[in-house]
Amino acid sequence: MALPPGVPPIPQEPRGQKRSAPDSGANDDPAFFAHVDRHQDVYVSRLAEFCAIPGVSAEPQRRPDVVRAVEWTKDWLSNLGGAVRLEELGDEVLPDGSKIPLPPALLGQFGDDPNKKTLLVYGHLDVQPAKKSDGWATEPFELVNKDGKLYARGATDDKGPVTAWLWVIEAHKQLGRELPVNIRCLFEGMEEAGSKGLPALCEKLATPGGFLDPKAIDYICISDNYWTGKTKPCLTHGLRGNVYFHMEIICSEKDMHSGVIGGGVHEGLTDLVQLMSKLVDSQGKILVPGIMDEVAAVTDKEMESYKQVDFDVEEFKQDAGVAKVHNTLLHPTKEGVLMHRWRYPTLSLHGIQGAFDGPGSKTVIPGKVVGKFSIRTVPNMHPDKVEEVVVKHLESEFAKLKSPNKMRVWVDKASMSWFREPDHPNFQAATAATVRVHGVQPAFTREGGSIPITEVLENVCDAVCAHIPIGASDDGAHSQNEKIDMQNYLNGMKLMKCYMDEIAALPAEPDAAARAAAAAAEASRLASNKWRRRCKVQLMRFGCECLDCQIP
C-alpha cells in the first residue's frame, strides 16, 4: 500500500516476538496495545509533518495551507483503504466584499456492512493563529518533543485526535484485523472560523442513502476537548452555549481631535464604557435582570457528581496564568469553580472596535465604537430570551445617561447549550473502553466552551454524540505552547480502538436507563429545533433571513 510522500511506513509485526505490556491501566488486548507503543516514534513523526502545515482558517492568506491540511488527510484516508471524497462548501465573503473559496469538507468511509453498527467521527484540520513572537518557547509549526510532551500548534486541537483515528484504522490493517464497526469520517477545515458552510452540507448529506443518512448512523464521536485534570480520563456530556453581542455607539460621522473638538461633543466611547460597566461586576456577577430566570436548578445528584471529578484548584491557577499575578480565583473551592465554568452562565467583555488600541499615544475621539461581549449559556437558557433581557437592560441604562448619541445592540452569533445523560449507550461504550485502557472509571464532566457542530450532527443524523477527550487540562489549546502528552496520544489510540469494540458489543435492545437517556436526548433536540431558524451558512447565527435560508 502506497503512503503519502515523505512518510515512513510502519514496519510489519515481527512474528514470534515477545511483546512488552503497554504503559496503561489495563492490558486486555496486548497485541494491539503493544503495536501502538512500539511505533510511537513513527506516529510522532507523522504528527510533526501534519503540524508543520500552518492551516490557520481565520487568516485568508493561509487558506491554501488549510486546503493542504485537507489534502494531507485525504491522502491518508485513501491509502488506508477508505472511500474518500471532497465536498465543496462554496465561497466566503470577506469584510472588504471580496470572495475566497472555503476549504472543502473531507468525507471518508470504511465499511458498509449492514450487520455492523456505524460510527460517525468528526474532527477538524484547521488551527488557531500562532507566532513565536506571541510568547511561544519554540516555533509553533515545528513539533518539539520535550520530556514526553509534543509541542506544536494543533497538536491537541485537533490534529492529534484526528491522526489518532487514522493510526487506529491502520493498526487494524497491520494486525490483519477487521474493523468492528463501520466508520464514517467527517473532517472540516473551518472549525476555528465558525464552520462556515458545514451545516448546509450536513443537511444535504442526511438524506436516504446519503453519507449522513439517519438510518445508517448509529453513534457520533467527537474528540475536541480536554480532561479537567492531568491524570483522570473524562467523558464530556454537557457544553455551554454562547450568545455573542455587539453594542454600537455613534456620536459623529467621523473621528475627531480631542483638543480641537473635545469638550464640545457627547463622546461615544464614554457612553460605551459606562454601559459595559453595567453588564458584569468585578466578582463575575451578571448585572442583567432576568438572566438567571431560566437556569436549571441544582439537584442533589448534580452536587454529588462533582466529587468524582479530577480537578485541582491550585493547578487551575497555574493553567489559567493567574498564580504569579494575584493567585486568586472568583471561587475558592473545586465545586465553586466547576459549577461556574459548567452550569452557571458567565458574561465576558471582549473588546472595543473603533477605539485606539495601538502602541504609543493618539488623541482621537472615535466617531463610532462597537463593544463586544458574550454570555455563555446553560440549560435551560434560550438565546432569544437572553437577547431580550440584555437589550432591555442596556436600553434602560442608556436612557439613564441622557445621551443624544445613537445606540444599537444586536446578537452577532449564538449557539444552544448541550446536555446528555451519561446513561446513553454511546457513553456506556465509552465508559467501558476507558476502564479497559486506563483501569479507572472516567469522570463525567461538562465543558465551559461551545462545540456547535455537536447539535447539528445530532439533529441531522438522529443520533447521540459522545465527546471523548484525550488531551489533558494543561494542553493549552488556542494558547502559547500548545501540546499533547505522548502518553495521552498513545492511550488515545488505544481508547478509540476499545471504544469501537464496545460500540460493536452494545445490545440491539437498550435497557430501561438507556431508553430513558435516548428519549431525553430526542426531546432536547426537538426543543432546540423549535427555536429560531439556524443559518445554513453561518453555523452560530440564529433568526437568520439570509438568501440561503429563504430557499426551501
Protein backbone atom coordinates (compact mmCIF):
# COMPACT_ATOMS: atom_id res chain seq x y z
CA MET A 1 0.00 0.00 0.00
CA ALA A 2 1.46 3.35 -1.06
CA LEU A 3 1.87 6.01 1.60
CA PRO A 4 1.87 9.79 1.18
CA PRO A 5 5.27 11.14 0.06
CA GLY A 6 7.86 11.57 2.78
CA VAL A 7 6.03 9.47 5.37
CA PRO A 8 7.96 6.48 6.80
CA PRO A 9 5.99 3.21 6.80
CA ILE A 10 5.21 1.25 9.94
CA PRO A 11 7.27 -1.95 9.95
CA GLN A 12 5.34 -5.22 9.89
CA GLU A 13 4.64 -7.01 13.17
CA PRO A 14 7.61 -9.36 13.86
CA ARG A 15 6.43 -12.96 14.21
CA GLY A 16 7.15 -14.72 17.43
CA GLN A 17 8.50 -11.60 19.14
CA LYS A 18 7.81 -11.32 22.86
CA ARG A 19 5.65 -8.28 23.50
CA SER A 20 6.01 -5.97 26.46
CA ALA A 21 2.96 -4.65 28.28
CA PRO A 22 1.90 -1.10 27.40
CA ASP A 23 2.12 1.72 29.89
CA SER A 24 -1.60 1.94 30.63
CA GLY A 25 -4.08 0.92 33.26
CA ALA A 26 -5.21 -2.31 31.62
CA ASN A 27 -3.84 -4.81 29.12
CA ASP A 28 -6.78 -6.74 27.74
CA ASP A 29 -5.51 -6.53 24.14
CA PRO A 30 -1.73 -6.86 24.44
CA ALA A 31 -1.11 -7.28 20.71
CA PHE A 32 -2.86 -4.05 19.76
CA PHE A 33 -1.59 -2.05 22.72
CA ALA A 34 1.99 -3.18 22.16
CA HIS A 35 1.69 -2.35 18.46
CA VAL A 36 0.79 1.23 19.34
CA ASP A 37 3.58 1.58 21.91
CA ARG A 38 6.21 0.08 19.64
CA HIS A 39 5.50 2.50 16.79
CA GLN A 40 5.19 5.71 18.76
CA ASP A 41 8.18 7.33 17.02
CA VAL A 42 6.54 6.86 13.62
CA TYR A 43 3.27 8.32 14.84
CA VAL A 44 5.06 11.36 16.26
CA SER A 45 6.98 11.84 13.00
CA ARG A 46 3.73 11.88 11.06
CA LEU A 47 2.07 14.24 13.53
CA ALA A 48 5.06 16.57 13.16
CA GLU A 49 4.57 16.59 9.39
CA PHE A 50 0.89 17.40 9.80
CA CYS A 51 1.50 20.15 12.38
CA ALA A 52 4.04 21.76 10.01
CA ILE A 53 1.11 22.76 7.77
CA PRO A 54 0.05 26.20 9.10
CA GLY A 55 -3.62 25.86 8.21
CA VAL A 56 -4.98 28.91 10.03
CA SER A 57 -8.57 29.19 8.80
CA ALA A 58 -9.13 32.67 10.28
CA GLU A 59 -6.39 34.18 8.08
CA PRO A 60 -7.41 34.37 4.39
CA GLN A 61 -3.78 34.34 3.23
CA ARG A 62 -3.36 30.95 4.92
CA ARG A 63 -6.37 29.40 3.19
CA PRO A 64 -4.15 27.41 0.76
CA ASP A 65 -2.46 25.85 3.80
CA VAL A 66 -5.85 24.75 5.14
CA VAL A 67 -6.50 23.06 1.80
CA ARG A 68 -3.07 21.39 2.10
CA ALA A 69 -4.09 20.02 5.50
CA VAL A 70 -7.29 18.63 3.97
CA GLU A 71 -5.32 17.04 1.12
CA TRP A 72 -2.78 15.56 3.56
CA THR A 73 -5.57 13.87 5.49
CA LYS A 74 -7.32 12.82 2.29
CA ASP A 75 -4.15 11.02 1.13
CA TRP A 76 -4.02 9.09 4.38
CA LEU A 77 -7.68 8.10 4.32
CA SER A 78 -7.35 6.95 0.72
CA ASN A 79 -4.17 4.97 1.27
CA LEU A 80 -5.68 3.28 4.31
CA GLY A 81 -8.40 1.91 2.03
CA GLY A 82 -11.20 4.37 2.70
CA ALA A 83 -13.75 5.54 0.15
CA VAL A 84 -12.88 9.23 0.08
CA ARG A 85 -14.35 12.33 -1.46
CA LEU A 86 -14.24 16.09 -1.07
CA GLU A 87 -17.37 18.24 -0.79
CA GLU A 88 -17.08 21.88 -1.84
CA LEU A 89 -18.65 24.40 0.53
CA GLY A 90 -18.80 27.47 -1.70
CA ASP A 91 -17.20 30.86 -1.13
CA GLU A 92 -16.59 33.04 1.90
CA VAL A 93 -17.32 36.76 1.61
CA LEU A 94 -14.57 38.76 3.33
CA PRO A 95 -15.19 42.10 5.12
CA ASP A 96 -13.93 44.03 2.08
CA GLY A 97 -16.50 42.32 -0.15
CA SER A 98 -14.07 40.03 -1.92
CA LYS A 99 -14.62 36.27 -2.06
CA ILE A 100 -12.35 33.30 -1.45
CA PRO A 101 -13.23 29.61 -1.68
CA LEU A 102 -13.97 27.77 1.54
CA PRO A 103 -11.79 24.71 2.05
CA PRO A 104 -13.68 21.55 1.11
CA ALA A 105 -15.07 19.15 3.70
CA LEU A 106 -13.47 15.70 3.70
CA LEU A 107 -15.56 12.55 3.82
CA GLY A 108 -14.08 9.11 4.38
CA GLN A 109 -15.85 5.78 4.75
CA PHE A 110 -14.51 2.45 6.00
CA GLY A 111 -17.00 -0.35 5.59
CA ASP A 112 -20.70 -0.51 4.80
CA ASP A 113 -21.66 -3.80 6.42
CA PRO A 114 -25.38 -3.75 7.32
CA ASN A 115 -24.65 -6.23 10.12
CA LYS A 116 -22.32 -3.76 11.86
CA LYS A 117 -23.08 -0.56 13.71
CA THR A 118 -21.92 2.66 12.05
CA LEU A 119 -19.91 5.28 13.92
CA LEU A 120 -19.56 8.86 12.68
CA VAL A 121 -16.26 10.50 13.66
CA TYR A 122 -15.97 14.28 13.41
CA GLY A 123 -12.76 16.31 13.62
CA HIS A 124 -11.23 19.50 12.27
CA LEU A 125 -7.99 20.05 10.38
CA ASP A 126 -7.54 23.82 10.79
CA VAL A 127 -5.79 25.58 13.66
CA GLN A 128 -5.66 28.86 15.55
CA PRO A 129 -3.13 31.58 14.61
CA ALA A 130 0.32 31.27 16.20
CA LYS A 131 3.64 33.11 16.04
CA LYS A 132 6.77 32.59 18.10
CA SER A 133 6.66 36.29 18.98
CA ASP A 134 3.31 35.68 20.72
CA GLY A 135 5.25 34.04 23.54
CA TRP A 136 5.93 30.54 22.26
CA ALA A 137 9.09 28.88 23.57
CA THR A 138 9.58 27.18 20.18
CA GLU A 139 8.41 27.68 16.61
CA PRO A 140 4.70 26.85 16.76
CA PHE A 141 4.62 24.92 13.47
CA GLU A 142 7.68 22.81 14.24
CA LEU A 143 6.74 19.98 16.59
CA VAL A 144 9.15 19.59 19.51
CA ASN A 145 9.18 16.55 21.80
CA LYS A 146 10.32 17.74 25.22
CA ASP A 147 10.13 15.33 28.15
CA GLY A 148 7.31 13.37 26.54
CA LYS A 149 5.28 16.46 25.67
CA LEU A 150 4.65 17.20 22.00
CA TYR A 151 4.59 20.97 21.47
CA ALA A 152 3.07 22.41 18.26
CA ARG A 153 0.05 24.38 17.14
CA GLY A 154 -2.70 21.84 16.53
CA ALA A 155 -1.02 19.03 18.48
CA THR A 156 -4.05 18.68 20.74
CA ASP A 157 -6.60 20.85 18.86
CA ASP A 158 -7.40 18.88 16.77
CA LYS A 159 -4.64 17.24 14.73
CA GLY A 160 -3.61 14.85 17.49
CA PRO A 161 -7.07 13.29 17.92
CA VAL A 162 -7.73 13.23 14.16
CA THR A 163 -4.48 11.41 13.39
CA ALA A 164 -5.08 9.04 16.31
CA TRP A 165 -8.14 7.75 14.46
CA LEU A 166 -6.04 7.27 11.31
CA TRP A 167 -3.41 5.23 13.13
CA VAL A 168 -6.09 3.08 14.82
CA ILE A 169 -7.50 2.18 11.41
CA GLU A 170 -4.00 1.49 10.12
CA ALA A 171 -3.12 -0.68 13.12
CA HIS A 172 -6.12 -2.89 12.43
CA LYS A 173 -4.87 -3.39 8.89
CA GLN A 174 -1.29 -4.03 10.05
CA LEU A 175 -2.51 -6.65 12.51
CA GLY A 176 -4.79 -8.27 9.97
CA ARG A 177 -7.94 -7.35 11.88
CA GLU A 178 -11.34 -6.33 10.59
CA LEU A 179 -12.77 -3.09 11.93
CA PRO A 180 -15.52 -3.97 14.44
CA VAL A 181 -17.79 -1.16 13.18
CA ASN A 182 -18.33 0.82 10.01
CA ILE A 183 -16.59 4.19 10.28
CA ARG A 184 -17.58 7.40 8.55
CA CYS A 185 -15.23 10.36 8.97
CA LEU A 186 -16.33 13.97 8.55
CA PHE A 187 -13.36 16.34 8.72
CA GLU A 188 -13.55 20.07 8.06
CA GLY A 189 -11.10 22.96 7.69
CA MET A 190 -13.13 25.86 9.08
CA GLU A 191 -13.98 24.92 12.68
CA GLU A 192 -11.78 27.64 14.16
CA ALA A 193 -13.56 30.19 11.94
CA GLY A 194 -17.17 29.17 12.63
CA SER A 195 -17.61 26.03 10.48
CA LYS A 196 -18.87 28.16 7.60
CA GLY A 197 -20.79 26.14 5.05
CA LEU A 198 -20.82 22.91 7.02
CA PRO A 199 -24.40 22.93 8.41
CA ALA A 200 -25.89 23.17 4.92
CA LEU A 201 -23.68 20.31 3.75
CA CYS A 202 -24.74 18.17 6.71
CA GLU A 203 -28.39 18.72 5.84
CA LYS A 204 -27.70 17.79 2.22
CA LEU A 205 -25.87 14.61 3.24
CA ALA A 206 -28.60 13.49 5.68
CA THR A 207 -30.88 12.07 3.01
CA PRO A 208 -31.81 8.44 2.31
CA GLY A 209 -28.68 6.73 1.07
CA GLY A 210 -26.59 9.83 1.88
CA PHE A 211 -23.35 9.95 3.82
CA LEU A 212 -25.22 11.12 6.97
CA ASP A 213 -28.39 9.10 6.41
CA PRO A 214 -30.08 8.92 9.85
CA LYS A 215 -30.93 5.28 9.21
CA ALA A 216 -27.25 4.50 8.70
CA ILE A 217 -25.57 6.47 11.51
CA ASP A 218 -25.89 4.81 14.93
CA TYR A 219 -23.49 6.86 17.07
CA ILE A 220 -21.38 10.02 16.85
CA CYS A 221 -17.98 10.68 18.44
CA ILE A 222 -16.06 13.95 18.76
CA SER A 223 -12.66 14.30 20.42
CA ASP A 224 -12.10 18.06 20.59
CA ASN A 225 -11.96 18.94 24.27
CA TYR A 226 -9.90 18.07 27.34
CA TRP A 227 -9.76 16.40 30.73
CA THR A 228 -10.45 18.54 33.80
CA GLY A 229 -7.11 17.47 35.28
CA LYS A 230 -3.91 15.75 34.20
CA THR A 231 -4.39 12.16 35.36
CA LYS A 232 -8.03 11.05 35.35
CA PRO A 233 -9.76 10.48 31.98
CA CYS A 234 -13.11 12.14 31.32
CA LEU A 235 -16.19 11.79 29.18
CA THR A 236 -17.98 15.05 28.37
CA HIS A 237 -21.78 15.09 28.33
CA GLY A 238 -22.51 18.82 28.54
CA LEU A 239 -21.43 22.02 26.76
CA ARG A 240 -22.33 25.63 27.38
CA GLY A 241 -23.87 27.68 24.61
CA ASN A 242 -22.83 31.19 23.64
CA VAL A 243 -24.68 34.39 22.75
CA TYR A 244 -22.29 36.98 21.32
CA PHE A 245 -23.40 40.64 21.33
CA HIS A 246 -22.26 43.78 19.55
CA MET A 247 -23.18 47.16 21.04
CA GLU A 248 -22.67 50.18 18.80
CA ILE A 249 -22.49 53.83 19.83
CA ILE A 250 -22.33 56.55 17.15
CA CYS A 251 -21.59 60.12 18.16
CA SER A 252 -20.24 61.58 14.92
CA GLU A 253 -19.86 60.87 11.22
CA LYS A 254 -16.07 60.91 11.67
CA ASP A 255 -13.26 60.61 14.21
CA MET A 256 -12.39 63.85 16.00
CA HIS A 257 -9.38 65.61 17.58
CA SER A 258 -9.62 65.64 21.38
CA GLY A 259 -8.01 69.07 21.57
CA VAL A 260 -9.97 70.78 18.82
CA ILE A 261 -13.34 69.10 19.42
CA GLY A 262 -13.10 67.64 22.93
CA GLY A 263 -15.36 69.36 25.44
CA GLY A 264 -17.89 70.28 22.78
CA VAL A 265 -19.48 66.92 21.94
CA HIS A 266 -21.01 63.92 23.67
CA GLU A 267 -18.29 61.28 23.28
CA GLY A 268 -19.48 57.82 22.27
CA LEU A 269 -16.69 55.90 23.95
CA THR A 270 -17.66 57.43 27.30
CA ASP A 271 -21.20 56.14 26.86
CA LEU A 272 -19.98 52.71 25.80
CA VAL A 273 -17.67 52.28 28.79
CA GLN A 274 -20.49 53.30 31.10
CA LEU A 275 -22.84 50.72 29.55
CA MET A 276 -20.30 47.89 29.57
CA SER A 277 -19.72 48.52 33.27
CA LYS A 278 -23.42 47.76 33.84
CA LEU A 279 -23.17 44.23 32.44
CA VAL A 280 -20.96 42.42 34.97
CA ASP A 281 -19.21 43.34 38.20
CA SER A 282 -15.62 42.60 39.22
CA GLN A 283 -16.73 39.47 41.11
CA GLY A 284 -18.23 37.94 37.97
CA LYS A 285 -21.88 38.60 38.87
CA ILE A 286 -24.02 39.30 35.81
CA LEU A 287 -25.96 42.53 36.38
CA VAL A 288 -28.69 41.91 33.79
CA PRO A 289 -32.12 41.44 35.45
CA GLY A 290 -33.80 38.19 34.45
CA ILE A 291 -30.68 36.50 33.13
CA MET A 292 -30.87 33.71 35.73
CA ASP A 293 -34.61 33.07 35.39
CA GLU A 294 -34.30 30.07 33.05
CA VAL A 295 -31.19 28.46 34.56
CA ALA A 296 -31.86 24.86 35.60
CA ALA A 297 -31.94 24.27 39.36
CA VAL A 298 -29.08 22.48 41.09
CA THR A 299 -30.00 18.95 42.21
CA ASP A 300 -28.51 16.72 44.89
CA LYS A 301 -27.43 14.29 42.16
CA GLU A 302 -25.52 17.04 40.42
CA MET A 303 -23.77 18.18 43.60
CA GLU A 304 -22.71 14.61 44.26
CA SER A 305 -21.29 14.33 40.73
CA TYR A 306 -18.58 16.92 41.37
CA LYS A 307 -16.88 14.59 43.84
CA GLN A 308 -15.74 12.22 41.06
CA VAL A 309 -14.09 14.97 39.00
CA ASP A 310 -10.29 15.21 38.99
CA PHE A 311 -9.71 18.94 39.45
CA ASP A 312 -7.08 20.76 41.48
CA VAL A 313 -7.74 24.42 42.24
CA GLU A 314 -4.04 25.26 42.62
CA GLU A 315 -3.17 23.63 39.30
CA PHE A 316 -6.03 25.52 37.69
CA LYS A 317 -4.49 28.78 38.88
CA GLN A 318 -1.25 27.77 37.16
CA ASP A 319 -3.01 26.72 33.95
CA ALA A 320 -5.02 29.97 33.89
CA GLY A 321 -1.85 32.02 34.37
CA VAL A 322 -3.05 33.85 37.50
CA ALA A 323 -0.85 32.12 40.09
CA LYS A 324 2.07 34.55 39.72
CA VAL A 325 -0.15 37.60 39.23
CA HIS A 326 -2.50 37.53 42.23
CA ASN A 327 -3.07 33.80 42.92
CA THR A 328 -6.80 34.30 43.39
CA LEU A 329 -9.92 32.85 41.76
CA LEU A 330 -13.52 34.06 41.80
CA HIS A 331 -14.48 30.92 43.74
CA PRO A 332 -12.18 29.19 46.26
CA THR A 333 -13.49 25.61 46.09
CA LYS A 334 -13.39 22.92 43.42
CA GLU A 335 -17.18 22.75 43.31
CA GLY A 336 -17.49 26.53 43.05
CA VAL A 337 -15.06 26.81 40.15
CA LEU A 338 -16.53 23.88 38.22
CA MET A 339 -20.13 25.00 38.68
CA HIS A 340 -19.37 28.49 37.41
CA ARG A 341 -17.47 27.06 34.43
CA TRP A 342 -20.09 24.44 33.54
CA ARG A 343 -23.60 25.03 34.88
CA TYR A 344 -23.92 28.77 35.52
CA PRO A 345 -23.90 31.48 32.84
CA THR A 346 -20.98 33.88 32.64
CA LEU A 347 -20.58 37.23 30.89
CA SER A 348 -17.22 38.27 29.44
CA LEU A 349 -16.18 41.58 27.91
CA HIS A 350 -14.03 41.01 24.82
CA GLY A 351 -13.06 44.35 23.33
CA ILE A 352 -14.00 47.64 21.69
CA GLN A 353 -13.85 48.03 17.93
CA GLY A 354 -13.04 51.54 16.70
CA ALA A 355 -11.17 52.66 19.83
CA PHE A 356 -7.42 53.32 19.64
CA ASP A 357 -5.52 50.22 20.77
CA GLY A 358 -2.07 50.57 19.22
CA PRO A 359 1.23 51.34 20.94
CA GLY A 360 2.02 54.91 21.89
CA SER A 361 -0.48 57.73 22.32
CA LYS A 362 -3.17 59.04 19.99
CA THR A 363 -5.51 61.88 20.88
CA VAL A 364 -8.52 60.73 18.90
CA ILE A 365 -12.21 60.75 19.77
CA PRO A 366 -13.73 57.87 17.77
CA GLY A 367 -16.93 58.71 15.92
CA LYS A 368 -18.22 55.14 16.20
CA VAL A 369 -17.32 52.39 18.65
CA VAL A 370 -18.61 48.83 18.98
CA GLY A 371 -18.34 47.00 22.28
CA LYS A 372 -18.22 43.20 22.11
CA PHE A 373 -19.26 40.82 24.86
CA SER A 374 -20.74 37.36 25.17
CA ILE A 375 -22.77 35.28 27.58
CA ARG A 376 -22.06 31.58 27.97
CA THR A 377 -25.43 29.93 28.39
CA VAL A 378 -26.51 26.76 30.19
CA PRO A 379 -29.61 24.54 30.35
CA ASN A 380 -32.43 25.76 30.14
CA MET A 381 -31.47 29.16 28.73
CA HIS A 382 -32.59 30.13 25.23
CA PRO A 383 -30.66 32.71 23.21
CA ASP A 384 -33.80 34.60 22.21
CA LYS A 385 -34.70 35.14 25.88
CA VAL A 386 -31.09 36.12 26.64
CA GLU A 387 -31.21 38.65 23.82
CA GLU A 388 -34.50 40.04 25.11
CA VAL A 389 -33.32 40.71 28.67
CA VAL A 390 -29.89 42.05 27.62
CA VAL A 391 -31.29 44.51 25.07
CA LYS A 392 -33.95 45.67 27.53
CA HIS A 393 -31.32 46.21 30.23
CA LEU A 394 -28.94 48.15 28.01
CA GLU A 395 -31.68 50.34 26.57
CA SER A 396 -32.79 51.16 30.12
CA GLU A 397 -29.24 52.00 31.23
CA PHE A 398 -28.62 54.08 28.10
CA ALA A 399 -31.74 56.11 28.80
CA LYS A 400 -30.35 56.98 32.22
CA LEU A 401 -27.28 58.56 30.58
CA LYS A 402 -29.48 61.15 28.80
CA SER A 403 -27.10 61.00 25.87
CA PRO A 404 -28.12 62.16 22.36
CA ASN A 405 -25.82 59.57 20.78
CA LYS A 406 -27.19 56.63 18.81
CA MET A 407 -27.05 53.21 20.48
CA ARG A 408 -27.82 49.83 18.94
CA VAL A 409 -27.40 46.28 20.35
CA TRP A 410 -27.66 43.05 18.38
CA VAL A 411 -26.71 39.38 18.54
CA ASP A 412 -23.87 38.59 16.16
CA LYS A 413 -23.96 34.82 16.67
CA ALA A 414 -25.40 32.29 19.06
CA SER A 415 -25.43 28.62 19.93
CA MET A 416 -27.51 26.46 22.26
CA SER A 417 -26.12 24.68 25.28
CA TRP A 418 -25.98 20.88 25.01
CA PHE A 419 -26.52 18.24 27.71
CA ARG A 420 -26.92 14.46 27.53
CA GLU A 421 -27.33 11.97 30.36
CA PRO A 422 -24.30 9.62 30.51
CA ASP A 423 -26.66 6.62 30.77
CA HIS A 424 -26.96 6.60 26.98
CA PRO A 425 -25.42 3.52 25.27
CA ASN A 426 -22.85 5.70 23.49
CA PHE A 427 -21.50 6.85 26.85
CA GLN A 428 -21.76 3.33 28.26
CA ALA A 429 -19.48 2.10 25.47
CA ALA A 430 -17.04 4.96 26.04
CA THR A 431 -17.03 4.23 29.77
CA ALA A 432 -16.21 0.55 29.26
CA ALA A 433 -13.44 1.48 26.82
CA THR A 434 -11.95 3.94 29.31
CA VAL A 435 -11.81 1.27 32.02
CA ARG A 436 -10.09 -1.14 29.61
CA VAL A 437 -7.36 1.36 28.74
CA HIS A 438 -6.88 3.41 31.90
CA GLY A 439 -8.04 0.95 34.54
CA VAL A 440 -10.35 3.52 36.18
CA GLN A 441 -13.89 4.78 35.75
CA PRO A 442 -13.93 8.06 33.78
CA ALA A 443 -15.16 11.28 35.32
CA PHE A 444 -18.36 12.51 33.71
CA THR A 445 -17.78 16.18 33.05
CA ARG A 446 -19.24 19.18 31.33
CA GLU A 447 -17.36 21.76 29.31
CA GLY A 448 -17.43 25.52 29.66
CA GLY A 449 -16.90 26.10 25.96
CA SER A 450 -19.15 25.52 22.96
CA ILE A 451 -18.92 23.00 20.10
CA PRO A 452 -21.97 23.94 17.99
CA ILE A 453 -21.43 21.24 15.36
CA THR A 454 -22.48 18.72 18.04
CA GLU A 455 -26.11 19.79 17.83
CA VAL A 456 -26.05 19.98 14.03
CA LEU A 457 -24.77 16.41 13.67
CA GLU A 458 -27.18 15.05 16.27
CA ASN A 459 -30.11 16.74 14.54
CA VAL A 460 -29.39 15.56 11.02
CA CYS A 461 -28.24 12.04 12.00
CA ASP A 462 -30.84 11.46 14.72
CA ALA A 463 -28.08 10.03 16.91
CA VAL A 464 -26.38 10.91 20.20
CA CYS A 465 -22.84 12.26 20.30
CA ALA A 466 -20.24 11.35 22.93
CA HIS A 467 -17.36 13.74 23.49
CA ILE A 468 -14.29 11.66 24.29
CA PRO A 469 -11.31 13.90 25.12
CA ILE A 470 -7.77 12.52 25.06
CA GLY A 471 -5.87 15.70 25.96
CA ALA A 472 -5.07 16.97 29.45
CA SER A 473 -6.19 20.18 31.15
CA ASP A 474 -2.81 21.85 30.64
CA ASP A 475 -2.57 21.24 26.87
CA GLY A 476 -3.06 24.94 26.15
CA ALA A 477 -5.31 24.75 23.10
CA HIS A 478 -5.62 28.21 21.48
CA SER A 479 -2.77 29.43 23.69
CA GLN A 480 1.01 29.66 23.52
CA ASN A 481 2.97 26.41 23.79
CA GLU A 482 0.07 24.13 22.87
CA LYS A 483 0.96 20.48 23.39
CA ILE A 484 -0.30 16.95 23.81
CA ASP A 485 1.40 14.48 26.13
CA MET A 486 2.90 11.49 24.35
CA GLN A 487 1.16 9.08 26.73
CA ASN A 488 -2.20 10.75 26.15
CA TYR A 489 -1.68 10.48 22.38
CA LEU A 490 -0.88 6.76 22.57
CA ASN A 491 -3.58 5.94 25.10
CA GLY A 492 -5.99 7.91 22.96
CA MET A 493 -5.40 5.45 20.12
CA LYS A 494 -5.98 2.51 22.45
CA LEU A 495 -9.12 4.17 23.78
CA MET A 496 -10.55 4.68 20.29
CA LYS A 497 -9.85 1.05 19.44
CA CYS A 498 -11.61 -0.22 22.59
CA TYR A 499 -14.45 2.25 22.08
CA MET A 500 -15.16 0.71 18.68
CA ASP A 501 -15.13 -2.75 20.27
CA GLU A 502 -17.63 -1.63 22.89
CA ILE A 503 -19.89 0.06 20.33
CA ALA A 504 -19.94 -3.18 18.35
CA ALA A 505 -20.85 -5.15 21.50
CA LEU A 506 -23.80 -2.97 22.51
CA PRO A 507 -27.07 -4.93 22.68
CA ALA A 508 -29.58 -4.43 19.91
CA GLU A 509 -32.24 -3.60 22.51
CA PRO A 510 -31.14 -0.97 25.11
CA ASP A 511 -32.06 -1.29 28.77
CA ALA A 512 -34.52 0.99 30.58
CA ALA A 513 -31.89 3.57 31.59
CA ALA A 514 -30.52 3.72 28.05
CA ARG A 515 -34.02 4.14 26.61
CA ALA A 516 -34.73 6.96 29.06
CA ALA A 517 -31.46 8.70 28.14
CA ALA A 518 -32.24 8.35 24.43
CA ALA A 519 -35.73 9.79 24.96
CA ALA A 520 -34.32 12.76 26.89
CA ALA A 521 -31.80 13.42 24.11
CA GLU A 522 -34.54 13.32 21.47
CA ALA A 523 -36.72 15.70 23.49
CA SER A 524 -33.82 18.12 23.83
CA ARG A 525 -33.17 18.05 20.09
CA LEU A 526 -36.83 18.67 19.34
CA ALA A 527 -36.93 21.62 21.72
CA SER A 528 -33.87 23.09 20.04
CA ASN A 529 -35.36 22.59 16.58
CA LYS A 530 -38.43 24.61 17.58
CA TRP A 531 -36.17 27.52 18.40
CA ARG A 532 -35.25 30.28 15.96
CA ARG A 533 -34.07 29.33 12.49
CA ARG A 534 -30.38 28.42 12.25
CA CYS A 535 -28.47 29.91 9.33
CA LYS A 536 -27.33 27.26 6.86
CA VAL A 537 -24.10 29.13 6.12
CA GLN A 538 -23.13 30.66 9.46
CA LEU A 539 -23.28 27.81 11.98
CA MET A 540 -23.76 30.00 15.07
CA ARG A 541 -26.19 32.54 13.59
CA PHE A 542 -29.88 32.26 14.50
CA GLY A 543 -33.03 34.06 13.43
CA CYS A 544 -31.46 34.21 10.01
CA GLU A 545 -33.04 35.87 6.99
CA CYS A 546 -30.18 35.46 4.51
CA LEU A 547 -30.93 34.32 0.97
CA ASP A 548 -29.61 30.79 1.57
CA CYS A 549 -32.05 30.27 4.43
CA GLN A 550 -35.03 31.55 2.47
CA ILE A 551 -34.59 28.91 -0.24
CA PRO A 552 -36.57 25.77 0.74
